[in-house]
Amino acid sequence: MTQLLLKEKLFPITRVPSSFREKLSGVLRIIDRDGATQGFFFDREAFNNLLEELEYDSPAFWEEIEHSRASGIVSAKTIERRLGIAT
């Protein structure tokens, strides 16, 4: 996501077209005349990437992973075999 934010496009609020959503790709930062950020718009892929990164950083996510690993219900080897990538 950091890479995506580094490629953000700046757009003055006075130039925002009413139908910009159809042409939106990546991250669009809306700024006012003074250059202050008024908002961000994300395309679907960028938004999903942002949500995924936020989940990955969540302590609740890692607690769930640890709980799942500790339960031993499905091992990594079993999953690898199911996916056909066992070595």
PDB file of N, CA and C in Angstrom:
ATOM      1  N   MET A   1       0.816  -1.187   0.000  1.00  0.00           N
ATOM      2  CA  MET A   1       0.000   0.000   0.000  1.00  0.00           C
ATOM      3  C   MET A   1       0.863   1.256   0.000  1.00  0.00           C
ATOM      4  N   THR A   2       1.995   1.178   0.679  1.00  0.00           N
ATOM      5  CA  THR A   2       2.888   2.333   0.720  1.00  0.00           C
ATOM      6  C   THR A   2       3.291   2.733  -0.685  1.00  0.00           C
ATOM      7  N   GLN A   3       3.612   1.751  -1.511  1.00  0.00           N
ATOM      8  CA  GLN A   3       3.995   2.044  -2.888  1.00  0.00           C
ATOM      9  C   GLN A   3       2.860   2.736  -3.632  1.00  0.00           C
ATOM     10  N   LEU A   4       1.644   2.300  -3.370  1.00  0.00           N
ATOM     11  CA  LEU A   4       0.483   2.901  -4.020  1.00  0.00           C
ATOM     12  C   LEU A   4       0.309   4.349  -3.584  1.00  0.00           C
ATOM     13  N   LEU A   5       0.503   4.624  -2.299  1.00  0.00           N
ATOM     14  CA  LEU A   5       0.365   5.994  -1.809  1.00  0.00           C
ATOM     15  C   LEU A   5       1.478   6.893  -2.344  1.00  0.00           C
ATOM     16  N   LEU A   6       2.640   6.321  -2.606  1.00  0.00           N
ATOM     17  CA  LEU A   6       3.718   7.121  -3.187  1.00  0.00           C
ATOM     18  C   LEU A   6       3.389   7.552  -4.612  1.00  0.00           C
ATOM     19  N   LYS A   7       2.502   6.800  -5.274  1.00  0.00           N
ATOM     20  CA  LYS A   7       2.107   7.112  -6.649  1.00  0.00           C
ATOM     21  C   LYS A   7       0.783   7.870  -6.705  1.00  0.00           C
ATOM     22  N   GLU A   8       0.322   8.383  -5.570  1.00  0.00           N
ATOM     23  CA  GLU A   8      -0.969   9.061  -5.539  1.00  0.00           C
ATOM     24  C   GLU A   8      -0.983  10.244  -6.503  1.00  0.00           C
ATOM     25  N   LYS A   9      -2.174  10.539  -6.975  1.00  0.00           N
ATOM     26  CA  LYS A   9      -2.358  11.684  -7.859  1.00  0.00           C
ATOM     27  C   LYS A   9      -2.987  12.809  -7.054  1.00  0.00           C
ATOM     28  N   LEU A  10      -2.463  14.022  -7.188  1.00  0.00           N
ATOM     29  CA  LEU A  10      -3.038  15.190  -6.524  1.00  0.00           C
ATOM     30  C   LEU A  10      -4.040  15.829  -7.465  1.00  0.00           C
ATOM     31  N   PHE A  11      -5.150  16.250  -6.918  1.00  0.00           N
ATOM     32  CA  PHE A  11      -6.200  16.825  -7.730  1.00  0.00           C
ATOM     33  C   PHE A  11      -6.824  17.991  -6.983  1.00  0.00           C
ATOM     34  N   PRO A  12      -6.737  19.211  -7.517  1.00  0.00           N
ATOM     35  CA  PRO A  12      -7.380  20.351  -6.844  1.00  0.00           C
ATOM     36  C   PRO A  12      -8.892  20.158  -6.780  1.00  0.00           C
ATOM     37  N   ILE A  13      -9.468  20.515  -5.682  1.00  0.00           N
ATOM     38  CA  ILE A  13     -10.903  20.323  -5.477  1.00  0.00           C
ATOM     39  C   ILE A  13     -11.726  21.076  -6.529  1.00  0.00           C
ATOM     40  N   THR A  14     -11.188  22.154  -7.062  1.00  0.00           N
ATOM     41  CA  THR A  14     -11.910  22.933  -8.068  1.00  0.00           C
ATOM     42  C   THR A  14     -11.952  22.228  -9.428  1.00  0.00           C
ATOM     43  N   ARG A  15     -11.114  21.218  -9.610  1.00  0.00           N
ATOM     44  CA  ARG A  15     -11.073  20.515 -10.891  1.00  0.00           C
ATOM     45  C   ARG A  15     -11.680  19.120 -10.845  1.00  0.00           C
ATOM     46  N   VAL A  16     -12.327  18.761  -9.746  1.00  0.00           N
ATOM     47  CA  VAL A  16     -12.909  17.421  -9.628  1.00  0.00           C
ATOM     48  C   VAL A  16     -14.145  17.336 -10.514  1.00  0.00           C
ATOM     49  N   PRO A  17     -14.104  16.494 -11.537  1.00  0.00           N
ATOM     50  CA  PRO A  17     -15.281  16.336 -12.390  1.00  0.00           C
ATOM     51  C   PRO A  17     -16.353  15.522 -11.676  1.00  0.00           C
ATOM     52  N   SER A  18     -17.572  15.695 -12.072  1.00  0.00           N
ATOM     53  CA  SER A  18     -18.665  14.986 -11.404  1.00  0.00           C
ATOM     54  C   SER A  18     -18.619  13.487 -11.676  1.00  0.00           C
ATOM     55  N   SER A  19     -18.005  13.066 -12.765  1.00  0.00           N
ATOM     56  CA  SER A  19     -17.985  11.637 -13.096  1.00  0.00           C
ATOM     57  C   SER A  19     -16.569  11.058 -12.980  1.00  0.00           C
ATOM     58  N   PHE A  20     -15.778  11.530 -12.018  1.00  0.00           N
ATOM     59  CA  PHE A  20     -14.402  11.056 -11.907  1.00  0.00           C
ATOM     60  C   PHE A  20     -14.317   9.594 -11.504  1.00  0.00           C
ATOM     61  N   ARG A  21     -15.360   9.048 -10.892  1.00  0.00           N
ATOM     62  CA  ARG A  21     -15.307   7.665 -10.405  1.00  0.00           C
ATOM     63  C   ARG A  21     -15.066   6.668 -11.521  1.00  0.00           C
ATOM     64  N   GLU A  22     -15.590   6.926 -12.726  1.00  0.00           N
ATOM     65  CA  GLU A  22     -15.389   5.976 -13.815  1.00  0.00           C
ATOM     66  C   GLU A  22     -13.922   5.911 -14.244  1.00  0.00           C
ATOM     67  N   LYS A  23     -13.187   6.994 -14.055  1.00  0.00           N
ATOM     68  CA  LYS A  23     -11.803   7.068 -14.509  1.00  0.00           C
ATOM     69  C   LYS A  23     -10.803   6.877 -13.381  1.00  0.00           C
ATOM     70  N   LEU A  24     -11.269   6.608 -12.187  1.00  0.00           N
ATOM     71  CA  LEU A  24     -10.399   6.522 -11.033  1.00  0.00           C
ATOM     72  C   LEU A  24      -9.557   5.250 -11.065  1.00  0.00           C
ATOM     73  N   SER A  25      -8.253   5.420 -10.883  1.00  0.00           N
ATOM     74  CA  SER A  25      -7.379   4.263 -10.715  1.00  0.00           C
ATOM     75  C   SER A  25      -6.309   4.639  -9.701  1.00  0.00           C
ATOM     76  N   GLY A  26      -6.056   3.747  -8.781  1.00  0.00           N
ATOM     77  CA  GLY A  26      -5.077   4.018  -7.736  1.00  0.00           C
ATOM     78  C   GLY A  26      -5.657   4.879  -6.645  1.00  0.00           C
ATOM     79  N   VAL A  27      -4.861   5.830  -6.191  1.00  0.00           N
ATOM     80  CA  VAL A  27      -5.256   6.714  -5.098  1.00  0.00           C
ATOM     81  C   VAL A  27      -5.296   8.148  -5.612  1.00  0.00           C
ATOM     82  N   LEU A  28      -6.373   8.818  -5.302  1.00  0.00           N
ATOM     83  CA  LEU A  28      -6.534  10.209  -5.698  1.00  0.00           C
ATOM     84  C   LEU A  28      -6.687  11.039  -4.426  1.00  0.00           C
ATOM     85  N   ARG A  29      -5.806  12.017  -4.238  1.00  0.00           N
ATOM     86  CA  ARG A  29      -5.890  12.889  -3.062  1.00  0.00           C
ATOM     87  C   ARG A  29      -6.451  14.231  -3.505  1.00  0.00           C
ATOM     88  N   ILE A  30      -7.543  14.629  -2.893  1.00  0.00           N
ATOM     89  CA  ILE A  30      -8.194  15.894  -3.202  1.00  0.00           C
ATOM     90  C   ILE A  30      -7.603  16.972  -2.294  1.00  0.00           C
ATOM     91  N   ILE A  31      -7.130  18.054  -2.893  1.00  0.00           N
ATOM     92  CA  ILE A  31      -6.539  19.146  -2.129  1.00  0.00           C
ATOM     93  C   ILE A  31      -7.287  20.448  -2.398  1.00  0.00           C
ATOM     94  N   ASP A  32      -7.251  21.355  -1.422  1.00  0.00           N
ATOM     95  CA  ASP A  32      -7.886  22.657  -1.616  1.00  0.00           C
ATOM     96  C   ASP A  32      -6.868  23.632  -2.205  1.00  0.00           C
ATOM     97  N   ARG A  33      -7.249  24.896  -2.320  1.00  0.00           N
ATOM     98  CA  ARG A  33      -6.375  25.903  -2.941  1.00  0.00           C
ATOM     99  C   ARG A  33      -5.060  26.104  -2.189  1.00  0.00           C
ATOM    100  N   ASP A  34      -5.090  25.837  -0.888  1.00  0.00           N
ATOM    101  CA  ASP A  34      -3.887  26.007  -0.071  1.00  0.00           C
ATOM    102  C   ASP A  34      -3.012  24.755  -0.055  1.00  0.00           C
ATOM    103  N   GLY A  35      -3.459  23.699  -0.718  1.00  0.00           N
ATOM    104  CA  GLY A  35      -2.693  22.454  -0.752  1.00  0.00           C
ATOM    105  C   GLY A  35      -2.995  21.515   0.401  1.00  0.00           C
ATOM    106  N   ALA A  36      -3.991  21.862   1.216  1.00  0.00           N
ATOM    107  CA  ALA A  36      -4.370  21.005   2.342  1.00  0.00           C
ATOM    108  C   ALA A  36      -5.234  19.849   1.831  1.00  0.00           C
ATOM    109  N   THR A  37      -4.976  18.674   2.358  1.00  0.00           N
ATOM    110  CA  THR A  37      -5.733  17.485   1.952  1.00  0.00           C
ATOM    111  C   THR A  37      -7.165  17.572   2.451  1.00  0.00           C
ATOM    112  N   GLN A  38      -8.113  17.371   1.539  1.00  0.00           N
ATOM    113  CA  GLN A  38      -9.530  17.357   1.884  1.00  0.00           C
ATOM    114  C   GLN A  38     -10.096  15.953   1.905  1.00  0.00           C
ATOM    115  N   GLY A  39      -9.433  15.029   1.226  1.00  0.00           N
ATOM    116  CA  GLY A  39      -9.913  13.654   1.224  1.00  0.00           C
ATOM    117  C   GLY A  39      -9.120  12.786   0.272  1.00  0.00           C
ATOM    118  N   PHE A  40      -9.347  11.482   0.382  1.00  0.00           N
ATOM    119  CA  PHE A  40      -8.728  10.502  -0.494  1.00  0.00           C
ATOM    120  C   PHE A  40      -9.820   9.685  -1.165  1.00  0.00           C
ATOM    121  N   PHE A  41      -9.582   9.302  -2.385  1.00  0.00           N
ATOM    122  CA  PHE A  41     -10.446   8.365  -3.079  1.00  0.00           C
ATOM    123  C   PHE A  41      -9.577   7.208  -3.549  1.00  0.00           C
ATOM    124  N   PHE A  42     -10.053   5.989  -3.347  1.00  0.00           N
ATOM    125  CA  PHE A  42      -9.330   4.783  -3.725  1.00  0.00           C
ATOM    126  C   PHE A  42     -10.132   4.018  -4.759  1.00  0.00           C
ATOM    127  N   ASP A  43      -9.456   3.436  -5.757  1.00  0.00           N
ATOM    128  CA  ASP A  43     -10.175   2.517  -6.625  1.00  0.00           C
ATOM    129  C   ASP A  43     -10.386   1.221  -5.836  1.00  0.00           C
ATOM    130  N   ARG A  44     -11.139   0.309  -6.382  1.00  0.00           N
ATOM    131  CA  ARG A  44     -11.503  -0.915  -5.657  1.00  0.00           C
ATOM    132  C   ARG A  44     -10.271  -1.706  -5.218  1.00  0.00           C
ATOM    133  N   GLU A  45      -9.314  -1.890  -6.108  1.00  0.00           N
ATOM    134  CA  GLU A  45      -8.126  -2.676  -5.773  1.00  0.00           C
ATOM    135  C   GLU A  45      -7.299  -2.008  -4.681  1.00  0.00           C
ATOM    136  N   ALA A  46      -7.115  -0.710  -4.785  1.00  0.00           N
ATOM    137  CA  ALA A  46      -6.345   0.016  -3.774  1.00  0.00           C
ATOM    138  C   ALA A  46      -7.041  -0.048  -2.413  1.00  0.00           C
ATOM    139  N   PHE A  47      -8.361   0.067  -2.410  1.00  0.00           N
ATOM    140  CA  PHE A  47      -9.109   0.010  -1.159  1.00  0.00           C
ATOM    141  C   PHE A  47      -8.998  -1.373  -0.529  1.00  0.00           C
ATOM    142  N   ASN A  48      -9.119  -2.425  -1.345  1.00  0.00           N
ATOM    143  CA  ASN A  48      -8.986  -3.791  -0.826  1.00  0.00           C
ATOM    144  C   ASN A  48      -7.588  -4.027  -0.269  1.00  0.00           C
ATOM    145  N   ASN A  49      -6.564  -3.500  -0.935  1.00  0.00           N
ATOM    146  CA  ASN A  49      -5.201  -3.628  -0.429  1.00  0.00           C
ATOM    147  C   ASN A  49      -5.044  -2.921   0.918  1.00  0.00           C
ATOM    148  N   LEU A  50      -5.645  -1.751   1.035  1.00  0.00           N
ATOM    149  CA  LEU A  50      -5.590  -1.010   2.292  1.00  0.00           C
ATOM    150  C   LEU A  50      -6.258  -1.802   3.417  1.00  0.00           C
ATOM    151  N   LEU A  51      -7.432  -2.348   3.162  1.00  0.00           N
ATOM    152  CA  LEU A  51      -8.127  -3.141   4.177  1.00  0.00           C
ATOM    153  C   LEU A  51      -7.314  -4.362   4.580  1.00  0.00           C
ATOM    154  N   GLU A  52      -6.711  -5.017   3.600  1.00  0.00           N
ATOM    155  CA  GLU A  52      -5.899  -6.195   3.877  1.00  0.00           C
ATOM    156  C   GLU A  52      -4.710  -5.843   4.771  1.00  0.00           C
ATOM    157  N   GLU A  53      -4.059  -4.733   4.487  1.00  0.00           N
ATOM    158  CA  GLU A  53      -2.927  -4.320   5.312  1.00  0.00           C
ATOM    159  C   GLU A  53      -3.363  -3.945   6.721  1.00  0.00           C
ATOM    160  N   LEU A  54      -4.518  -3.315   6.845  1.00  0.00           N
ATOM    161  CA  LEU A  54      -5.019  -2.967   8.177  1.00  0.00           C
ATOM    162  C   LEU A  54      -5.339  -4.224   8.981  1.00  0.00           C
ATOM    163  N   GLU A  55      -5.937  -5.229   8.334  1.00  0.00           N
ATOM    164  CA  GLU A  55      -6.214  -6.494   9.012  1.00  0.00           C
ATOM    165  C   GLU A  55      -4.920  -7.167   9.441  1.00  0.00           C
ATOM    166  N   TYR A  56      -3.920  -7.151   8.568  1.00  0.00           N
ATOM    167  CA  TYR A  56      -2.645  -7.795   8.844  1.00  0.00           C
ATOM    168  C   TYR A  56      -1.961  -7.156  10.046  1.00  0.00           C
ATOM    169  N   ASP A  57      -2.149  -5.873  10.247  1.00  0.00           N
ATOM    170  CA  ASP A  57      -1.539  -5.175  11.371  1.00  0.00           C
ATOM    171  C   ASP A  57      -2.333  -5.309  12.666  1.00  0.00           C
ATOM    172  N   SER A  58      -3.506  -5.901  12.604  1.00  0.00           N
ATOM    173  CA  SER A  58      -4.382  -5.996  13.764  1.00  0.00           C
ATOM    174  C   SER A  58      -3.925  -7.097  14.731  1.00  0.00           C
ATOM    175  N   PRO A  59      -3.840  -6.792  16.032  1.00  0.00           N
ATOM    176  CA  PRO A  59      -3.511  -7.836  17.015  1.00  0.00           C
ATOM    177  C   PRO A  59      -4.552  -8.954  17.028  1.00  0.00           C
ATOM    178  N   ALA A  60      -5.802  -8.619  16.766  1.00  0.00           N
ATOM    179  CA  ALA A  60      -6.854  -9.643  16.743  1.00  0.00           C
ATOM    180  C   ALA A  60      -6.599 -10.661  15.635  1.00  0.00           C
ATOM    181  N   PHE A  61      -6.094 -10.205  14.503  1.00  0.00           N
ATOM    182  CA  PHE A  61      -5.773 -11.105  13.394  1.00  0.00           C
ATOM    183  C   PHE A  61      -4.713 -12.110  13.834  1.00  0.00           C
ATOM    184  N   TRP A  62      -3.657 -11.628  14.471  1.00  0.00           N
ATOM    185  CA  TRP A  62      -2.573 -12.512  14.878  1.00  0.00           C
ATOM    186  C   TRP A  62      -2.998 -13.431  16.018  1.00  0.00           C
ATOM    187  N   GLU A  63      -3.880 -12.969  16.892  1.00  0.00           N
ATOM    188  CA  GLU A  63      -4.417 -13.850  17.938  1.00  0.00           C
ATOM    189  C   GLU A  63      -5.191 -14.999  17.302  1.00  0.00           C
ATOM    190  N   GLU A  64      -5.964 -14.679  16.277  1.00  0.00           N
ATOM    191  CA  GLU A  64      -6.726 -15.720  15.580  1.00  0.00           C
ATOM    192  C   GLU A  64      -5.791 -16.715  14.898  1.00  0.00           C
ATOM    193  N   ILE A  65      -4.722 -16.213  14.289  1.00  0.00           N
ATOM    194  CA  ILE A  65      -3.743 -17.094  13.640  1.00  0.00           C
ATOM    195  C   ILE A  65      -3.102 -18.019  14.673  1.00  0.00           C
ATOM    196  N   GLU A  66      -2.667 -17.446  15.805  1.00  0.00           N
ATOM    197  CA  GLU A  66      -2.031 -18.257  16.853  1.00  0.00           C
ATOM    198  C   GLU A  66      -2.994 -19.290  17.423  1.00  0.00           C
ATOM    199  N   HIS A  67      -4.235 -18.897  17.628  1.00  0.00           N
ATOM    200  CA  HIS A  67      -5.243 -19.828  18.138  1.00  0.00           C
ATOM    201  C   HIS A  67      -5.445 -20.975  17.149  1.00  0.00           C
ATOM    202  N   SER A  68      -5.518 -20.638  15.880  1.00  0.00           N
ATOM    203  CA  SER A  68      -5.705 -21.657  14.854  1.00  0.00           C
ATOM    204  C   SER A  68      -4.512 -22.611  14.812  1.00  0.00           C
ATOM    205  N   ARG A  69      -3.310 -22.057  14.889  1.00  0.00           N
ATOM    206  CA  ARG A  69      -2.105 -22.896  14.870  1.00  0.00           C
ATOM    207  C   ARG A  69      -2.056 -23.810  16.085  1.00  0.00           C
ATOM    208  N   ALA A  70      -2.433 -23.280  17.229  1.00  0.00           N
ATOM    209  CA  ALA A  70      -2.386 -24.061  18.462  1.00  0.00           C
ATOM    210  C   ALA A  70      -3.426 -25.172  18.475  1.00  0.00           C
ATOM    211  N   SER A  71      -4.533 -24.970  17.795  1.00  0.00           N
ATOM    212  CA  SER A  71      -5.592 -25.981  17.805  1.00  0.00           C
ATOM    213  C   SER A  71      -5.168 -27.244  17.065  1.00  0.00           C
ATOM    214  N   GLY A  72      -4.277 -27.091  16.090  1.00  0.00           N
ATOM    215  CA  GLY A  72      -3.781 -28.252  15.354  1.00  0.00           C
ATOM    216  C   GLY A  72      -4.823 -28.917  14.484  1.00  0.00           C
ATOM    217  N   ILE A  73      -5.923 -28.254  14.223  1.00  0.00           N
ATOM    218  CA  ILE A  73      -6.999 -28.859  13.438  1.00  0.00           C
ATOM    219  C   ILE A  73      -6.540 -29.155  12.014  1.00  0.00           C
ATOM    220  N   VAL A  74      -5.894 -28.204  11.385  1.00  0.00           N
ATOM    221  CA  VAL A  74      -5.396 -28.408  10.023  1.00  0.00           C
ATOM    222  C   VAL A  74      -3.944 -27.945   9.995  1.00  0.00           C
ATOM    223  N   SER A  75      -3.069 -28.862   9.645  1.00  0.00           N
ATOM    224  CA  SER A  75      -1.654 -28.509   9.602  1.00  0.00           C
ATOM    225  C   SER A  75      -1.302 -27.872   8.261  1.00  0.00           C
ATOM    226  N   ALA A  76      -0.187 -27.207   8.232  1.00  0.00           N
ATOM    227  CA  ALA A  76       0.288 -26.600   6.995  1.00  0.00           C
ATOM    228  C   ALA A  76       0.562 -27.665   5.940  1.00  0.00           C
ATOM    229  N   LYS A  77       1.069 -28.809   6.374  1.00  0.00           N
ATOM    230  CA  LYS A  77       1.342 -29.903   5.428  1.00  0.00           C
ATOM    231  C   LYS A  77       0.051 -30.380   4.755  1.00  0.00           C
ATOM    232  N   THR A  78      -1.021 -30.461   5.530  1.00  0.00           N
ATOM    233  CA  THR A  78      -2.310 -30.880   4.966  1.00  0.00           C
ATOM    234  C   THR A  78      -2.785 -29.882   3.920  1.00  0.00           C
ATOM    235  N   ILE A  79      -2.637 -28.610   4.224  1.00  0.00           N
ATOM    236  CA  ILE A  79      -3.056 -27.577   3.280  1.00  0.00           C
ATOM    237  C   ILE A  79      -2.207 -27.632   2.025  1.00  0.00           C
ATOM    238  N   GLU A  80      -0.896 -27.816   2.187  1.00  0.00           N
ATOM    239  CA  GLU A  80      -0.010 -27.930   1.029  1.00  0.00           C
ATOM    240  C   GLU A  80      -0.415 -29.118   0.161  1.00  0.00           C
ATOM    241  N   ARG A  81      -0.748 -30.231   0.770  1.00  0.00           N
ATOM    242  CA  ARG A  81      -1.183 -31.407   0.002  1.00  0.00           C
ATOM    243  C   ARG A  81      -2.483 -31.103  -0.736  1.00  0.00           C
ATOM    244  N   ARG A  82      -3.415 -30.447  -0.063  1.00  0.00           N
ATOM    245  CA  ARG A  82      -4.696 -30.107  -0.714  1.00  0.00           C
ATOM    246  C   ARG A  82      -4.499 -29.193  -1.913  1.00  0.00           C
ATOM    247  N   LEU A  83      -3.544 -28.283  -1.802  1.00  0.00           N
ATOM    248  CA  LEU A  83      -3.284 -27.355  -2.892  1.00  0.00           C
ATOM    249  C   LEU A  83      -2.338 -27.919  -3.946  1.00  0.00           C
ATOM    250  N   GLY A  84      -1.786 -29.074  -3.654  1.00  0.00           N
ATOM    251  CA  GLY A  84      -0.876 -29.697  -4.606  1.00  0.00           C
ATOM    252  C   GLY A  84       0.487 -29.055  -4.659  1.00  0.00           C
ATOM    253  N   ILE A  85       0.908 -28.439  -3.558  1.00  0.00           N
ATOM    254  CA  ILE A  85       2.221 -27.778  -3.556  1.00  0.00           C
ATOM    255  C   ILE A  85       3.166 -28.399  -2.537  1.00  0.00           C
ATOM    256  N   ALA A  86       2.820 -29.583  -2.030  1.00  0.00           N
ATOM    257  CA  ALA A  86       3.677 -30.243  -1.041  1.00  0.00           C
ATOM    258  C   ALA A  86       4.999 -30.608  -1.684  1.00  0.00           C
ATOM    259  N   THR A  87       6.062 -30.428  -0.910  1.00  0.00           N
ATOM    260  CA  THR A  87       7.399 -30.754  -1.434  1.00  0.00           C
ATOM    261  C   THR A  87       7.884 -32.064  -0.915  1.00  0.00           C
TER     262      THR A  87
END
